[in-house]
Structures are given as structure tokens and as C-alpha cells.
C-alpha atoms as a PDB file:
ATOM      1  CA  MET A   1      82.377 -16.029   1.128  1.00  0.00           C
ATOM      2  CA  LYS A   2      80.247 -13.585   3.087  1.00  0.00           C
ATOM      3  CA  ARG A   3      81.232 -10.797   0.705  1.00  0.00           C
ATOM      4  CA  LYS A   4      79.752 -12.476  -2.413  1.00  0.00           C
ATOM      5  CA  PRO A   5      76.098 -11.502  -1.817  1.00  0.00           C
ATOM      6  CA  PHE A   6      77.209  -7.941  -1.158  1.00  0.00           C
ATOM      7  CA  LEU A   7      79.296  -7.870  -4.348  1.00  0.00           C
ATOM      8  CA  LEU A   8      76.446  -9.300  -6.413  1.00  0.00           C
ATOM      9  CA  LEU A   9      74.036  -6.747  -4.993  1.00  0.00           C
ATOM     10  CA  SER A  10      76.464  -3.941  -5.752  1.00  0.00           C
ATOM     11  CA  LEU A  11      76.854  -5.180  -9.335  1.00  0.00           C
ATOM     12  CA  LEU A  12      73.091  -5.319  -9.818  1.00  0.00           C
ATOM     13  CA  LEU A  13      72.697  -1.787  -8.485  1.00  0.00           C
ATOM     14  CA  ILE A  14      75.230  -0.631 -11.053  1.00  0.00           C
ATOM     15  CA  LEU A  15      73.692  -2.525 -13.966  1.00  0.00           C
ATOM     16  CA  LEU A  16      69.984  -1.960 -13.342  1.00  0.00           C
ATOM     17  CA  PRO A  17      69.946   1.750 -14.268  1.00  0.00           C
ATOM     18  CA  ALA A  18      71.727   0.957 -17.521  1.00  0.00           C
ATOM     19  CA  LEU A  19      69.289  -1.834 -18.303  1.00  0.00           C
ATOM     20  CA  ALA A  20      66.345   0.393 -17.484  1.00  0.00           C
ATOM     21  CA  GLN A  21      67.645   3.001 -19.948  1.00  0.00           C
ATOM     22  CA  GLN A  22      68.017   0.555 -22.840  1.00  0.00           C
ATOM     23  CA  ASN A  23      66.426   2.060 -25.916  1.00  0.00           C
ATOM     24  CA  GLN A  24      63.855   0.351 -28.106  1.00  0.00           C
ATOM     25  CA  THR A  25      63.362   1.166 -31.770  1.00  0.00           C
ATOM     26  CA  ILE A  26      60.375   1.378 -34.077  1.00  0.00           C
ATOM     27  CA  HIS A  27      61.436   1.299 -37.727  1.00  0.00           C
ATOM     28  CA  VAL A  28      58.896   2.657 -40.209  1.00  0.00           C
ATOM     29  CA  MET A  29      59.330   2.126 -43.954  1.00  0.00           C
ATOM     30  CA  VAL A  30      57.265   4.480 -46.118  1.00  0.00           C
ATOM     31  CA  ALA A  31      56.724   3.908 -49.844  1.00  0.00           C
ATOM     32  CA  LEU A  32      56.167   7.428 -51.140  1.00  0.00           C
ATOM     33  CA  CYS A  33      52.902   7.953 -53.014  1.00  0.00           C
ATOM     34  CA  ASP A  34      53.613   7.826 -56.764  1.00  0.00           C
ATOM     35  CA  ASN A  35      51.139   8.550 -59.562  1.00  0.00           C
ATOM     36  CA  LYS A  36      53.542   7.377 -62.253  1.00  0.00           C
ATOM     37  CA  TYR A  37      54.948   4.142 -60.874  1.00  0.00           C
ATOM     38  CA  GLN A  38      52.187   2.769 -58.627  1.00  0.00           C
ATOM     39  CA  GLY A  39      48.764   1.344 -59.417  1.00  0.00           C
ATOM     40  CA  ILE A  40      46.904   3.943 -57.387  1.00  0.00           C
ATOM     41  CA  VAL A  41      43.961   6.260 -57.921  1.00  0.00           C
ATOM     42  CA  LYS A  42      45.717   9.422 -59.075  1.00  0.00           C
ATOM     43  CA  VAL A  43      46.207  12.206 -56.552  1.00  0.00           C
ATOM     44  CA  PRO A  44      47.171  15.852 -57.276  1.00  0.00           C
ATOM     45  CA  LYS A  45      50.565  16.073 -58.959  1.00  0.00           C
ATOM     46  CA  GLY A  46      52.252  17.936 -56.118  1.00  0.00           C
ATOM     47  CA  ILE A  47      51.583  15.218 -53.541  1.00  0.00           C
ATOM     48  CA  GLY A  48      51.890  12.256 -55.909  1.00  0.00           C
ATOM     49  CA  ASN A  49      55.500  12.705 -56.996  1.00  0.00           C
ATOM     50  CA  GLY A  50      57.253   9.679 -55.520  1.00  0.00           C
ATOM     51  CA  GLN A  51      60.668  11.231 -56.105  1.00  0.00           C
ATOM     52  CA  ASP A  52      59.969  14.339 -54.003  1.00  0.00           C
ATOM     53  CA  PRO A  53      59.579  13.561 -50.282  1.00  0.00           C
ATOM     54  CA  GLN A  54      59.164  17.234 -49.343  1.00  0.00           C
ATOM     55  CA  THR A  55      55.585  17.474 -50.625  1.00  0.00           C
ATOM     56  CA  ASN A  56      54.644  13.796 -50.789  1.00  0.00           C
ATOM     57  CA  LEU A  57      51.263  12.702 -49.434  1.00  0.00           C
ATOM     58  CA  TYR A  58      52.768  10.063 -47.140  1.00  0.00           C
ATOM     59  CA  TRP A  59      55.802  12.055 -46.000  1.00  0.00           C
ATOM     60  CA  GLY A  60      56.019  15.853 -46.223  1.00  0.00           C
ATOM     61  CA  CYS A  61      52.305  16.693 -46.254  1.00  0.00           C
ATOM     62  CA  GLY A  62      50.574  17.548 -42.979  1.00  0.00           C
ATOM     63  CA  TYR A  63      49.380  13.984 -42.427  1.00  0.00           C
ATOM     64  CA  GLY A  64      52.567  12.414 -43.782  1.00  0.00           C
ATOM     65  CA  VAL A  65      54.863  10.524 -41.438  1.00  0.00           C
ATOM     66  CA  ARG A  66      57.664  13.088 -41.331  1.00  0.00           C
ATOM     67  CA  ALA A  67      55.411  16.110 -40.855  1.00  0.00           C
ATOM     68  CA  TYR A  68      52.979  14.524 -38.400  1.00  0.00           C
ATOM     69  CA  PHE A  69      55.631  13.119 -36.051  1.00  0.00           C
ATOM     70  CA  LYS A  70      57.665  16.326 -36.278  1.00  0.00           C
ATOM     71  CA  ASN A  71      54.614  18.263 -35.085  1.00  0.00           C
ATOM     72  CA  SER A  72      53.775  15.731 -32.379  1.00  0.00           C
ATOM     73  CA  ALA A  73      54.058  16.800 -28.752  1.00  0.00           C
ATOM     74  CA  ASP A  74      55.416  13.333 -27.916  1.00  0.00           C
ATOM     75  CA  TRP A  75      58.374  13.113 -30.304  1.00  0.00           C
ATOM     76  CA  LYS A  76      61.459  15.179 -31.047  1.00  0.00           C
ATOM     77  CA  GLU A  77      63.469  15.021 -34.260  1.00  0.00           C
ATOM     78  CA  VAL A  78      67.122  14.281 -33.473  1.00  0.00           C
ATOM     79  CA  LYS A  79      68.645  13.532 -36.873  1.00  0.00           C
ATOM     80  CA  ARG A  80      67.853  13.758 -40.568  1.00  0.00           C
ATOM     81  CA  TYR A  81      69.690  12.056 -43.433  1.00  0.00           C
ATOM     82  CA  SER A  82      69.295  12.601 -47.183  1.00  0.00           C
ATOM     83  CA  ASN A  83      69.833   9.971 -49.886  1.00  0.00           C
ATOM     84  CA  VAL A  84      70.479   7.138 -47.456  1.00  0.00           C
ATOM     85  CA  THR A  85      70.628   4.609 -50.325  1.00  0.00           C
ATOM     86  CA  ASP A  86      69.753   4.608 -54.020  1.00  0.00           C
ATOM     87  CA  VAL A  87      66.124   3.878 -53.098  1.00  0.00           C
ATOM     88  CA  CYS A  88      65.752   5.597 -49.697  1.00  0.00           C
ATOM     89  CA  LEU A  89      65.526   9.354 -50.247  1.00  0.00           C
ATOM     90  CA  GLU A  90      65.357  10.472 -46.630  1.00  0.00           C
ATOM     91  CA  ARG A  91      65.617   9.142 -43.089  1.00  0.00           C
ATOM     92  CA  ILE A  92      64.314  10.894 -39.986  1.00  0.00           C
ATOM     93  CA  VAL A  93      65.168   9.783 -36.448  1.00  0.00           C
ATOM     94  CA  PHE A  94      62.807  10.812 -33.653  1.00  0.00           C
ATOM     95  CA  LYS A  95      63.248  10.315 -29.903  1.00  0.00           C
ATOM     96  CA  HIS A  96      60.233   9.982 -27.635  1.00  0.00           C
ATOM     97  CA  LYS A  97      60.211  12.714 -25.012  1.00  0.00           C
ATOM     98  CA  THR A  98      59.349  10.509 -22.025  1.00  0.00           C
ATOM     99  CA  LYS A  99      59.936   6.888 -23.095  1.00  0.00           C
ATOM    100  CA  ASN A 100      63.133   5.088 -24.056  1.00  0.00           C
ATOM    101  CA  TYR A 101      62.047   4.758 -27.661  1.00  0.00           C
ATOM    102  CA  TYR A 102      63.457   5.917 -30.969  1.00  0.00           C
ATOM    103  CA  LEU A 103      61.400   6.004 -34.139  1.00  0.00           C
ATOM    104  CA  VAL A 104      63.295   5.745 -37.415  1.00  0.00           C
ATOM    105  CA  ALA A 105      61.287   6.603 -40.537  1.00  0.00           C
ATOM    106  CA  ASP A 106      62.586   5.934 -44.053  1.00  0.00           C
ATOM    107  CA  ALA A 107      61.116   7.524 -47.190  1.00  0.00           C
ATOM    108  CA  TYR A 108      61.494   5.184 -50.175  1.00  0.00           C
ATOM    109  CA  ASP A 109      61.367   6.515 -53.721  1.00  0.00           C
ATOM    110  CA  GLY A 110      57.869   5.584 -54.920  1.00  0.00           C
ATOM    111  CA  LYS A 111      59.332   4.010 -58.048  1.00  0.00           C
ATOM    112  CA  TYR A 112      61.005   1.415 -55.829  1.00  0.00           C
ATOM    113  CA  ILE A 113      57.971   0.349 -53.823  1.00  0.00           C
ATOM    114  CA  SER A 114      59.026  -3.273 -54.319  1.00  0.00           C
ATOM    115  CA  ASP A 115      62.352  -2.566 -52.569  1.00  0.00           C
ATOM    116  CA  CYS A 116      60.483  -0.977 -49.673  1.00  0.00           C
ATOM    117  CA  THR A 117      58.169  -3.985 -49.424  1.00  0.00           C
ATOM    118  CA  ILE A 118      61.063  -6.437 -49.568  1.00  0.00           C
ATOM    119  CA  ASP A 119      63.071  -4.542 -46.933  1.00  0.00           C
ATOM    120  CA  PHE A 120      60.025  -4.572 -44.664  1.00  0.00           C
ATOM    121  CA  LEU A 121      59.490  -8.330 -45.089  1.00  0.00           C
ATOM    122  CA  LYS A 122      63.192  -9.055 -44.586  1.00  0.00           C
ATOM    123  CA  SER A 123      63.020  -7.010 -41.398  1.00  0.00           C
ATOM    124  CA  CYS A 124      60.016  -9.036 -40.211  1.00  0.00           C
ATOM    125  CA  ALA A 125      61.928 -12.245 -40.873  1.00  0.00           C
ATOM    126  CA  GLY A 126      65.181 -11.069 -39.303  1.00  0.00           C
ATOM    127  CA  SER A 127      67.228 -11.492 -42.486  1.00  0.00           C
ATOM    128  CA  LYS A 128      67.911  -7.755 -42.766  1.00  0.00           C
ATOM    129  CA  LYS A 129      69.409  -6.092 -39.686  1.00  0.00           C
ATOM    130  CA  ASP A 130      71.365  -2.937 -39.034  1.00  0.00           C
ATOM    131  CA  THR A 131      72.242  -0.386 -36.374  1.00  0.00           C
ATOM    132  CA  LEU A 132      72.806   3.348 -36.273  1.00  0.00           C
ATOM    133  CA  MET A 133      74.869   5.399 -33.812  1.00  0.00           C
ATOM    134  CA  ILE A 134      73.683   8.866 -32.764  1.00  0.00           C
ATOM    135  CA  GLY A 135      75.423  10.711 -29.951  1.00  0.00           C
ATOM    136  CA  GLY A 136      76.669   7.517 -28.352  1.00  0.00           C
ATOM    137  CA  ALA A 137      73.269   5.819 -28.523  1.00  0.00           C
ATOM    138  CA  LYS A 138      72.959   2.617 -30.533  1.00  0.00           C
ATOM    139  CA  ILE A 139      69.704   2.522 -32.468  1.00  0.00           C
ATOM    140  CA  ASP A 140      68.483  -0.794 -33.859  1.00  0.00           C
ATOM    141  CA  LEU A 141      67.198  -0.878 -37.433  1.00  0.00           C
ATOM    142  CA  HIS A 142      65.164  -3.293 -39.544  1.00  0.00           C
ATOM    143  CA  GLY A 143      65.151  -6.772 -37.977  1.00  0.00           C
ATOM    144  CA  ASN A 144      66.889  -5.483 -34.853  1.00  0.00           C
ATOM    145  CA  ALA A 145      63.947  -3.179 -34.107  1.00  0.00           C
ATOM    146  CA  LYS A 146      61.186  -4.127 -31.694  1.00  0.00           C
ATOM    147  CA  LEU A 147      58.437  -3.027 -34.089  1.00  0.00           C
ATOM    148  CA  VAL A 148      58.619  -2.641 -37.875  1.00  0.00           C
ATOM    149  CA  ALA A 149      55.981  -0.875 -39.960  1.00  0.00           C
ATOM    150  CA  TYR A 150      55.113  -0.466 -43.625  1.00  0.00           C
ATOM    151  CA  ILE A 151      53.156   2.596 -44.784  1.00  0.00           C
ATOM    152  CA  GLY A 152      51.866   3.316 -48.288  1.00  0.00           C
ATOM    153  CA  HIS A 153      50.261   1.692 -51.293  1.00  0.00           C
ATOM    154  CA  ASN A 154      49.961  -2.102 -51.151  1.00  0.00           C
ATOM    155  CA  GLY A 155      52.410  -3.033 -53.877  1.00  0.00           C
ATOM    156  CA  LEU A 156      51.501  -6.712 -53.556  1.00  0.00           C
ATOM    157  CA  MET A 157      48.295  -5.832 -55.387  1.00  0.00           C
ATOM    158  CA  ASP A 158      50.474  -5.008 -58.424  1.00  0.00           C
ATOM    159  CA  PHE A 159      53.407  -7.428 -58.236  1.00  0.00           C
ATOM    160  CA  SER A 160      54.309 -10.774 -56.680  1.00  0.00           C
ATOM    161  CA  LEU A 161      57.385 -11.830 -54.737  1.00  0.00           C
ATOM    162  CA  VAL A 162      59.152 -15.162 -55.162  1.00  0.00           C
ATOM    163  CA  ASP A 163      60.785 -15.271 -51.717  1.00  0.00           C
ATOM    164  CA  THR A 164      58.607 -16.326 -48.770  1.00  0.00           C
ATOM    165  CA  TYR A 165      60.852 -14.521 -46.234  1.00  0.00           C
ATOM    166  CA  GLN A 166      61.182 -17.284 -43.696  1.00  0.00           C
ATOM    167  CA  ASN A 167      62.242 -16.368 -40.178  1.00  0.00           C
ATOM    168  CA  THR A 168      66.020 -16.657 -39.853  1.00  0.00           C
ATOM    169  CA  ASP A 169      66.741 -16.220 -36.139  1.00  0.00           C
ATOM    170  CA  GLY A 170      63.798 -17.588 -34.152  1.00  0.00           C
ATOM    171  CA  LYS A 171      62.803 -14.130 -32.885  1.00  0.00           C
ATOM    172  CA  GLN A 172      59.319 -12.682 -33.247  1.00  0.00           C
ATOM    173  CA  ARG A 173      58.938  -9.052 -34.255  1.00  0.00           C
ATOM    174  CA  ASP A 174      55.841  -6.900 -34.016  1.00  0.00           C
ATOM    175  CA  ALA A 175      54.533  -5.476 -37.281  1.00  0.00           C
ATOM    176  CA  ILE A 176      52.134  -2.779 -38.461  1.00  0.00           C
ATOM    177  CA  ILE A 177      51.024  -2.571 -42.095  1.00  0.00           C
ATOM    178  CA  LEU A 178      48.927   0.434 -43.065  1.00  0.00           C
ATOM    179  CA  ALA A 179      48.052  -0.217 -46.695  1.00  0.00           C
ATOM    180  CA  CYS A 180      44.909  -1.301 -48.540  1.00  0.00           C
ATOM    181  CA  TYR A 181      43.869  -4.926 -47.918  1.00  0.00           C
ATOM    182  CA  SER A 182      47.151  -5.556 -46.101  1.00  0.00           C
ATOM    183  CA  LYS A 183      45.883  -8.523 -44.092  1.00  0.00           C
ATOM    184  CA  ARG A 184      44.788 -10.369 -47.241  1.00  0.00           C
ATOM    185  CA  TYR A 185      48.019  -9.823 -49.154  1.00  0.00           C
ATOM    186  CA  PHE A 186      50.641  -9.918 -46.401  1.00  0.00           C
ATOM    187  CA  THR A 187      49.365 -12.871 -44.341  1.00  0.00           C
ATOM    188  CA  PRO A 188      51.474 -15.601 -46.039  1.00  0.00           C
ATOM    189  CA  TYR A 189      54.633 -13.540 -45.651  1.00  0.00           C
ATOM    190  CA  LEU A 190      54.096 -12.645 -41.995  1.00  0.00           C
ATOM    191  CA  LEU A 191      53.290 -16.260 -41.184  1.00  0.00           C
ATOM    192  CA  SER A 192      56.530 -17.338 -42.831  1.00  0.00           C
ATOM    193  CA  ALA A 193      58.456 -14.592 -41.049  1.00  0.00           C
ATOM    194  CA  LYS A 194      56.799 -15.534 -37.733  1.00  0.00           C
ATOM    195  CA  ALA A 195      55.940 -11.871 -37.139  1.00  0.00           C
ATOM    196  CA  ASN A 196      53.166 -10.614 -34.880  1.00  0.00           C
ATOM    197  CA  PRO A 197      50.659  -8.493 -36.877  1.00  0.00           C
ATOM    198  CA  VAL A 198      49.786  -5.860 -34.295  1.00  0.00           C
ATOM    199  CA  LEU A 199      47.760  -3.848 -36.814  1.00  0.00           C
ATOM    200  CA  TRP A 200      46.733  -4.168 -40.462  1.00  0.00           C
ATOM    201  CA  SER A 201      43.733  -3.588 -42.712  1.00  0.00           C
ATOM    202  CA  THR A 202      40.876  -5.535 -44.284  1.00  0.00           C
ATOM    203  CA  HIS A 203      39.832  -3.055 -46.998  1.00  0.00           C
ATOM    204  CA  LEU A 204      40.746   0.134 -48.831  1.00  0.00           C
ATOM    205  CA  MET A 205      42.226   2.740 -46.502  1.00  0.00           C
ATOM    206  CA  SER A 206      44.127   6.000 -46.252  1.00  0.00           C
ATOM    207  CA  PRO A 207      47.519   5.192 -44.646  1.00  0.00           C
ATOM    208  CA  GLU A 208      48.064   8.613 -43.124  1.00  0.00           C
ATOM    209  CA  ALA A 209      50.237   9.121 -40.077  1.00  0.00           C
ATOM    210  CA  TYR A 210      47.647   9.850 -37.373  1.00  0.00           C
ATOM    211  CA  THR A 211      46.665   6.167 -37.301  1.00  0.00           C
ATOM    212  CA  LEU A 212      50.271   5.072 -36.909  1.00  0.00           C
ATOM    213  CA  HIS A 213      50.999   7.790 -34.343  1.00  0.00           C
ATOM    214  CA  ASP A 214      48.170   6.871 -31.981  1.00  0.00           C
ATOM    215  CA  ALA A 215      48.715   3.128 -32.392  1.00  0.00           C
ATOM    216  CA  ILE A 216      52.366   3.584 -31.422  1.00  0.00           C
ATOM    217  CA  ALA A 217      51.435   5.804 -28.461  1.00  0.00           C
ATOM    218  CA  THR A 218      49.420   2.937 -26.995  1.00  0.00           C
ATOM    219  CA  TYR A 219      52.047   0.361 -27.949  1.00  0.00           C
ATOM    220  CA  ILE A 220      54.930   2.054 -26.134  1.00  0.00           C
ATOM    221  CA  ASN A 221      52.747   2.538 -23.068  1.00  0.00           C
ATOM    222  CA  GLY A 222      52.429  -1.230 -22.810  1.00  0.00           C
ATOM    223  CA  GLY A 223      49.082  -1.679 -24.540  1.00  0.00           C
ATOM    224  CA  GLY A 224      48.408  -5.084 -26.075  1.00  0.00           C
ATOM    225  CA  ASN A 225      47.269  -5.755 -29.631  1.00  0.00           C
ATOM    226  CA  ALA A 226      43.599  -5.111 -28.853  1.00  0.00           C
ATOM    227  CA  ALA A 227      44.357  -1.761 -27.208  1.00  0.00           C
ATOM    228  CA  VAL A 228      46.606  -0.713 -30.091  1.00  0.00           C
ATOM    229  CA  ARG A 229      43.881  -1.603 -32.569  1.00  0.00           C
ATOM    230  CA  GLU A 230      41.302   0.423 -30.628  1.00  0.00           C
ATOM    231  CA  ALA A 231      43.573   3.473 -30.508  1.00  0.00           C
ATOM    232  CA  ALA A 232      44.209   3.190 -34.246  1.00  0.00           C
ATOM    233  CA  ALA A 233      40.505   2.835 -35.031  1.00  0.00           C
ATOM    234  CA  THR A 234      39.674   5.854 -32.865  1.00  0.00           C
ATOM    235  CA  ALA A 235      42.265   7.985 -34.662  1.00  0.00           C
ATOM    236  CA  TYR A 236      41.120   6.792 -38.086  1.00  0.00           C
ATOM    237  CA  ASN A 237      37.502   7.579 -37.331  1.00  0.00           C
ATOM    238  CA  LYS A 238      38.434  11.017 -35.981  1.00  0.00           C
ATOM    239  CA  TYR A 239      39.972  12.053 -39.289  1.00  0.00           C
ATOM    240  CA  GLN A 240      38.051   9.935 -41.791  1.00  0.00           C
ATOM    241  CA  LYS A 241      34.595  10.215 -40.155  1.00  0.00           C
ATOM    242  CA  CYS A 242      33.797   6.605 -41.041  1.00  0.00           C
ATOM    243  CA  GLY A 243      32.186   5.651 -37.705  1.00  0.00           C
ATOM    244  CA  MET A 244      33.801   3.469 -35.074  1.00  0.00           C
ATOM    245  CA  LYS A 245      32.101   0.346 -36.398  1.00  0.00           C
ATOM    246  CA  GLY A 246      33.629   0.940 -39.799  1.00  0.00           C
ATOM    247  CA  ALA A 247      37.056   1.807 -38.357  1.00  0.00           C
ATOM    248  CA  ARG A 248      37.085  -1.315 -36.184  1.00  0.00           C
ATOM    249  CA  GLY A 249      36.124  -3.417 -39.185  1.00  0.00           C
ATOM    250  CA  LEU A 250      38.890  -1.897 -41.268  1.00  0.00           C
ATOM    251  CA  LEU A 251      41.757  -1.955 -38.772  1.00  0.00           C
ATOM    252  CA  VAL A 252      42.289  -5.350 -37.175  1.00  0.00           C
ATOM    253  CA  THR A 253      44.932  -7.268 -35.262  1.00  0.00           C
ATOM    254  CA  GLY A 254      46.303 -10.810 -35.417  1.00  0.00           C
ATOM    255  CA  PHE A 255      45.812 -13.510 -38.014  1.00  0.00           C
END
């Protein structure tokens, strides 16, 4: 009987390092900018081809998700996949250099912005889940991720969805939506999914990657919603020169 406390302590000492090293995932779904298939103000042809991620405004360009995170001092690219599905043209997996976080970014063909939106909402609700193995590490995707994000044009301004995407597992996921008027259009769906809107917008915006990058930097350092919002607003103002008052009015948190 006297040995039980010692055995329990020994077991905890073995398990704690493993628990401390458990990875968290941020899954970002990007609807590529598309002049032809989206109701957007037209951009130059080279960056508005939703079928070409290499030069797309929201992906391969300097302020696109792939390019910006690849050039970040905080993240390292560990894996790249092409043609993941019929609608997902590319997937990039990044590992944070000091934190136990992976960031998985998916580039959706701009023609299939509705699929990207639906996958994001299913992830928020927990009805779409997946995992990925890289070098022995299990990486959680979609509804298994700690934080899910949608980046791109707000397709809900152009089409409606029948499903309300009700939460299926009782778990709450954090969500970021960088798209024009995202709070107005996504509120009913996030309420139904029981997701926590860490960051979204109240007006027209440019959903470039610096806002997402700095918001995530604060998030993984333990910052709450208000701190994440402030970091995002600071980054947005830095690049858009809109003034902090304007940036704070545009980028908000919570319902």
C-alpha cells in the first residue's frame, strides 16, 4: 500500500512531459480571390485568378497567407500538398518555432467559395473533423482544431445556405473570419455552431495575412479575445493606414 503514492508519482512524471508537448492546431481555410466567380470589385488579372494559387491575392502574393507565413520569423513550413481535393488546390502545414502549434492553411479554388464556406461552418459546428500525420505527429484538422479561420470574400453576400450548422458534439471552437461584413452575415451560423468569434469584421475590409498573423501570435501566447482584437487592429492599421479608431471599429470580437 505504501508503494501506491510512489507509483502514481512516477506515472505522472512520465506522462507530464508528453502532455506538455501536445500539439494544438489552427486550421485556416482560404477562398482564393476570383474575378470570374465571385461578386468582388475586380482586381488585376494576375492576382484575381481563383484557379491559380501561386499568384493569388490571398495566397501566393506577398500579403497572401502562404507567402506571409512562409516569410514569418515565427513559423516554419514543414509540408506542402497539391490538389488535396477537387476544390482544395493546395495545403501548407506550418510549425511554430517556439510553441506547440501547427497551422494548416488550405487554398480553395475561388470558383468553389461556397464549399470553402461550408467546410468552415461544419468545422465550427464539429460536424467535419479530420487528422493528418506528419513525421509521427498527429495534426488535428477542421472541427478537431482549436481555432478555425476563414479568409477571403464573404460569399454569404452572394449566396445563402440552407443548413444552420448546429453544434454536433457540445464542444466550443474558436473562430476568426476575415471577410467583409463577416459579423453581420456569419452571426446566425456561429450561434448555431456554438463557436466563439475571436475576431471578425463590421464593414468592408482587406483580408490580407498580416491581420491573421498578428492575431494568432497573441492568441497562441495566451491572449484573450480583447488582446487578439487589439493585435489585429494594430496590424491592420499599420498596413492600411486607417487609424486605430477605424481599425478597432472594423475588427471586433464576440457577439
